[in-house]
Amino acid sequence: MRVLSPGSRVRRIGSEGFSSRLWTRDLRLLPVSRLLVTLLLCTSCGYHTAGHAVQLPETVKTIAVPPFKNETPTYRIEQMLTASVAREFTIRTHYRIVSNPGDEADATLAGTVLSTTASPLAYDTSSGRAASVLVVVSMKVALSDRNGKVLYQNPAYLFREQYEVSQDLQSFFEEDSPALRRLSQDFARTLVSNILEGF
């Protein structure tokens, strides 16, 4: 990192050859609080790897993600959501993920799909079909340790996303629907982030 002396000039080159000049003020004239904020902004980074900076209790090394329950008429949605959540944990964290709770699992994530809806937001004027839909998935989830202590829970978890559809709205929740696969992946990212950031 290059340190600038008070009163020095900094030349920034923007994209496509655009250049501008930024004149720095004498640092001795800046109040201490503004100087500290400026230094923090210059040296901090806005990115972190989820699952490393924030972790569950140290006793948790293996997490069981058994198949979620499904209380909706949407066929096999619980299987896609379960698989996506297990994959997201594997990709983003160092925890060992198993499908069956048992002696080896330090914590178990239980989930139930309570409702699923897809409502049209915009229509294609030429065909009259829905062009984009708002999908809402309602679930209850709980992560408990081997002693039954709840580490994370949300009994009324709502996941809302807008999706573009290129086919009939009724086919959105079919098990081979690409939109349902995207929904499962988006849901898994959101749920795993919420669990990790709760600690």
Protein backbone atom coordinates (compact mmCIF):
# COMPACT_ATOMS: atom_id res chain seq x y z
CA MET A 1 0.00 0.00 0.00
CA ARG A 2 1.41 3.38 -0.98
CA VAL A 3 1.32 6.05 1.73
CA LEU A 4 0.81 9.61 0.58
CA SER A 5 2.38 12.55 2.25
CA PRO A 6 0.14 15.45 3.32
CA GLY A 7 -0.77 17.71 0.45
CA SER A 8 0.30 15.27 -2.27
CA ARG A 9 -1.69 14.84 -5.46
CA VAL A 10 -3.37 11.63 -6.52
CA ARG A 11 -4.24 11.00 -10.15
CA ARG A 12 -6.97 8.44 -10.81
CA ILE A 13 -7.51 6.85 -14.20
CA GLY A 14 -11.10 5.88 -14.81
CA SER A 15 -12.44 3.37 -17.31
CA GLU A 16 -11.90 3.93 -21.04
CA GLY A 17 -9.08 6.37 -20.53
CA PHE A 18 -11.11 8.92 -18.60
CA SER A 19 -8.90 10.67 -16.07
CA SER A 20 -9.67 12.96 -13.21
CA ARG A 21 -7.61 14.61 -10.53
CA LEU A 22 -8.26 14.22 -6.87
CA TRP A 23 -6.58 16.84 -4.72
CA THR A 24 -5.99 15.77 -1.17
CA ARG A 25 -6.28 18.26 1.63
CA ASP A 26 -3.66 18.72 4.26
CA LEU A 27 -4.27 15.77 6.60
CA ARG A 28 -3.34 17.92 9.62
CA LEU A 29 -6.52 19.97 9.07
CA LEU A 30 -8.86 16.96 9.10
CA PRO A 31 -10.60 16.15 12.38
CA VAL A 32 -9.43 12.88 13.92
CA SER A 33 -12.83 11.19 13.47
CA ARG A 34 -12.95 11.98 9.75
CA LEU A 35 -9.38 10.78 9.36
CA LEU A 36 -10.21 7.46 11.04
CA VAL A 37 -13.29 6.96 8.85
CA THR A 38 -11.26 7.74 5.75
CA LEU A 39 -8.55 5.26 6.73
CA LEU A 40 -11.12 2.54 7.46
CA LEU A 41 -12.80 3.06 4.09
CA CYS A 42 -9.50 2.88 2.29
CA THR A 43 -8.27 -0.28 3.99
CA SER A 44 -11.44 -2.30 4.53
CA CYS A 45 -12.77 -4.89 2.15
CA GLY A 46 -16.46 -5.41 1.50
CA TYR A 47 -16.24 -9.14 0.91
CA HIS A 48 -16.02 -12.15 3.19
CA THR A 49 -16.46 -15.86 2.79
CA ALA A 50 -19.65 -17.03 4.42
CA GLY A 51 -19.16 -19.87 6.83
CA HIS A 52 -15.62 -18.89 7.74
CA ALA A 53 -15.99 -15.47 9.34
CA VAL A 54 -19.18 -16.59 11.07
CA GLN A 55 -19.61 -20.10 12.48
CA LEU A 56 -21.96 -22.26 14.46
CA PRO A 57 -20.77 -23.39 17.91
CA GLU A 58 -17.42 -25.20 17.82
CA THR A 59 -19.04 -28.45 18.96
CA VAL A 60 -20.89 -28.67 15.63
CA LYS A 61 -18.81 -30.46 13.00
CA THR A 62 -21.41 -32.68 11.32
CA ILE A 63 -24.88 -31.47 10.29
CA ALA A 64 -27.69 -33.82 9.30
CA VAL A 65 -30.07 -32.52 6.62
CA PRO A 66 -32.82 -35.16 6.41
CA PRO A 67 -35.53 -34.84 3.76
CA PHE A 68 -37.86 -31.92 4.45
CA LYS A 69 -41.56 -32.62 4.94
CA ASN A 70 -44.04 -31.41 2.35
CA GLU A 71 -47.51 -30.23 3.32
CA THR A 72 -48.29 -28.79 -0.13
CA PRO A 73 -49.65 -30.32 -3.34
CA THR A 74 -46.42 -29.31 -5.11
CA TYR A 75 -44.88 -32.63 -6.07
CA ARG A 76 -41.35 -33.36 -4.79
CA ILE A 77 -40.52 -29.73 -4.02
CA GLU A 78 -39.23 -30.84 -0.61
CA GLN A 79 -36.68 -33.11 -2.30
CA MET A 80 -35.29 -30.32 -4.46
CA LEU A 81 -35.12 -27.91 -1.51
CA THR A 82 -33.41 -30.50 0.72
CA ALA A 83 -30.82 -31.36 -1.93
CA SER A 84 -30.09 -27.68 -2.64
CA VAL A 85 -29.66 -26.83 1.07
CA ALA A 86 -27.31 -29.80 1.62
CA ARG A 87 -25.28 -28.79 -1.47
CA GLU A 88 -25.10 -25.15 -0.30
CA PHE A 89 -23.80 -26.18 3.13
CA THR A 90 -21.18 -28.38 1.45
CA ILE A 91 -20.02 -25.64 -0.94
CA ARG A 92 -19.95 -22.73 1.52
CA THR A 93 -18.89 -24.29 4.82
CA HIS A 94 -16.44 -26.78 6.26
CA TYR A 95 -19.17 -28.85 7.97
CA ARG A 96 -19.68 -32.50 7.11
CA ILE A 97 -23.22 -32.96 5.77
CA VAL A 98 -25.10 -36.24 6.19
CA SER A 99 -28.65 -37.16 5.26
CA ASN A 100 -29.62 -39.21 8.32
CA PRO A 101 -29.62 -37.85 11.86
CA GLY A 102 -27.92 -40.21 14.25
CA ASP A 103 -25.03 -40.56 16.63
CA GLU A 104 -22.59 -38.96 14.18
CA ALA A 105 -24.65 -35.77 13.65
CA ASP A 106 -23.84 -32.88 15.99
CA ALA A 107 -26.86 -30.91 14.72
CA THR A 108 -29.95 -31.61 12.62
CA LEU A 109 -31.75 -29.23 10.27
CA ALA A 110 -35.47 -30.03 10.11
CA GLY A 111 -37.72 -28.30 7.60
CA THR A 112 -41.35 -28.42 6.49
CA VAL A 113 -42.73 -26.82 3.32
CA LEU A 114 -46.00 -25.22 4.43
CA SER A 115 -47.20 -23.54 1.24
CA THR A 116 -46.14 -22.59 -2.28
CA THR A 117 -47.75 -19.99 -4.53
CA ALA A 118 -46.94 -18.49 -7.92
CA SER A 119 -48.74 -15.27 -8.84
CA PRO A 120 -48.40 -13.52 -12.22
CA LEU A 121 -46.82 -10.06 -12.10
CA ALA A 122 -46.63 -9.22 -15.81
CA TYR A 123 -48.15 -10.63 -19.00
CA ASP A 124 -46.83 -11.07 -22.52
CA THR A 125 -49.10 -8.89 -24.67
CA SER A 126 -48.73 -11.10 -27.76
CA SER A 127 -49.55 -14.44 -26.14
CA GLY A 128 -51.49 -13.36 -23.08
CA ARG A 129 -49.37 -15.67 -20.91
CA ALA A 130 -47.61 -14.66 -17.72
CA ALA A 131 -44.16 -13.23 -18.43
CA SER A 132 -43.00 -12.96 -14.82
CA VAL A 133 -44.29 -14.43 -11.59
CA LEU A 134 -43.84 -13.84 -7.90
CA VAL A 135 -43.15 -17.12 -6.12
CA VAL A 136 -43.66 -17.41 -2.36
CA VAL A 137 -42.52 -20.45 -0.40
CA SER A 138 -43.51 -20.70 3.26
CA MET A 139 -41.55 -23.04 5.52
CA LYS A 140 -40.70 -23.76 9.09
CA VAL A 141 -37.09 -24.65 9.82
CA ALA A 142 -35.15 -25.50 12.95
CA LEU A 143 -31.51 -26.42 13.54
CA SER A 144 -31.01 -28.28 16.81
CA ASP A 145 -27.94 -29.82 18.41
CA ARG A 146 -27.74 -33.45 19.54
CA ASN A 147 -29.20 -32.52 22.95
CA GLY A 148 -32.24 -30.87 21.41
CA LYS A 149 -31.07 -27.31 22.01
CA VAL A 150 -32.34 -25.07 19.22
CA LEU A 151 -29.46 -23.27 17.52
CA TYR A 152 -31.57 -21.55 14.85
CA GLN A 153 -35.26 -21.58 14.07
CA ASN A 154 -37.83 -19.75 12.03
CA PRO A 155 -41.38 -21.12 12.29
CA ALA A 156 -42.71 -18.75 9.61
CA TYR A 157 -39.95 -18.58 7.01
CA LEU A 158 -41.05 -16.77 3.84
CA PHE A 159 -39.00 -16.84 0.67
CA ARG A 160 -40.13 -14.47 -2.10
CA GLU A 161 -38.56 -14.22 -5.54
CA GLN A 162 -39.60 -12.91 -8.93
CA TYR A 163 -38.90 -15.12 -11.95
CA GLU A 164 -39.27 -14.75 -15.69
CA VAL A 165 -41.25 -17.58 -17.25
CA SER A 166 -41.03 -18.71 -20.86
CA GLN A 167 -43.74 -21.35 -20.52
CA ASP A 168 -47.17 -21.78 -18.99
CA LEU A 169 -47.53 -20.61 -15.37
CA GLN A 170 -49.00 -23.99 -14.34
CA SER A 171 -45.70 -25.69 -15.28
CA PHE A 172 -43.65 -23.55 -12.90
CA PHE A 173 -43.81 -26.08 -10.05
CA GLU A 174 -43.32 -29.18 -12.20
CA GLU A 175 -40.36 -31.20 -10.99
CA ASP A 176 -38.42 -30.80 -14.26
CA SER A 177 -38.99 -27.02 -14.34
CA PRO A 178 -35.76 -24.99 -14.67
CA ALA A 179 -37.48 -22.23 -12.70
CA LEU A 180 -38.08 -24.61 -9.78
CA ARG A 181 -34.40 -25.58 -9.81
CA ARG A 182 -33.42 -21.89 -9.71
CA LEU A 183 -35.88 -21.30 -6.88
CA SER A 184 -34.38 -24.20 -4.89
CA GLN A 185 -30.86 -22.85 -5.34
CA ASP A 186 -31.87 -19.30 -4.42
CA PHE A 187 -33.78 -20.56 -1.39
CA ALA A 188 -30.79 -22.64 -0.23
CA ARG A 189 -28.41 -19.67 -0.50
CA THR A 190 -30.78 -17.49 1.52
CA LEU A 191 -31.48 -20.09 4.21
CA VAL A 192 -27.82 -21.06 4.74
CA SER A 193 -26.85 -17.38 4.92
CA ASN A 194 -29.55 -16.75 7.53
CA ILE A 195 -28.37 -19.69 9.63
CA LEU A 196 -24.69 -18.70 9.47
CA GLU A 197 -25.31 -15.01 10.10
CA GLY A 198 -27.42 -15.78 13.15
CA PHE A 199 -24.23 -16.44 15.10
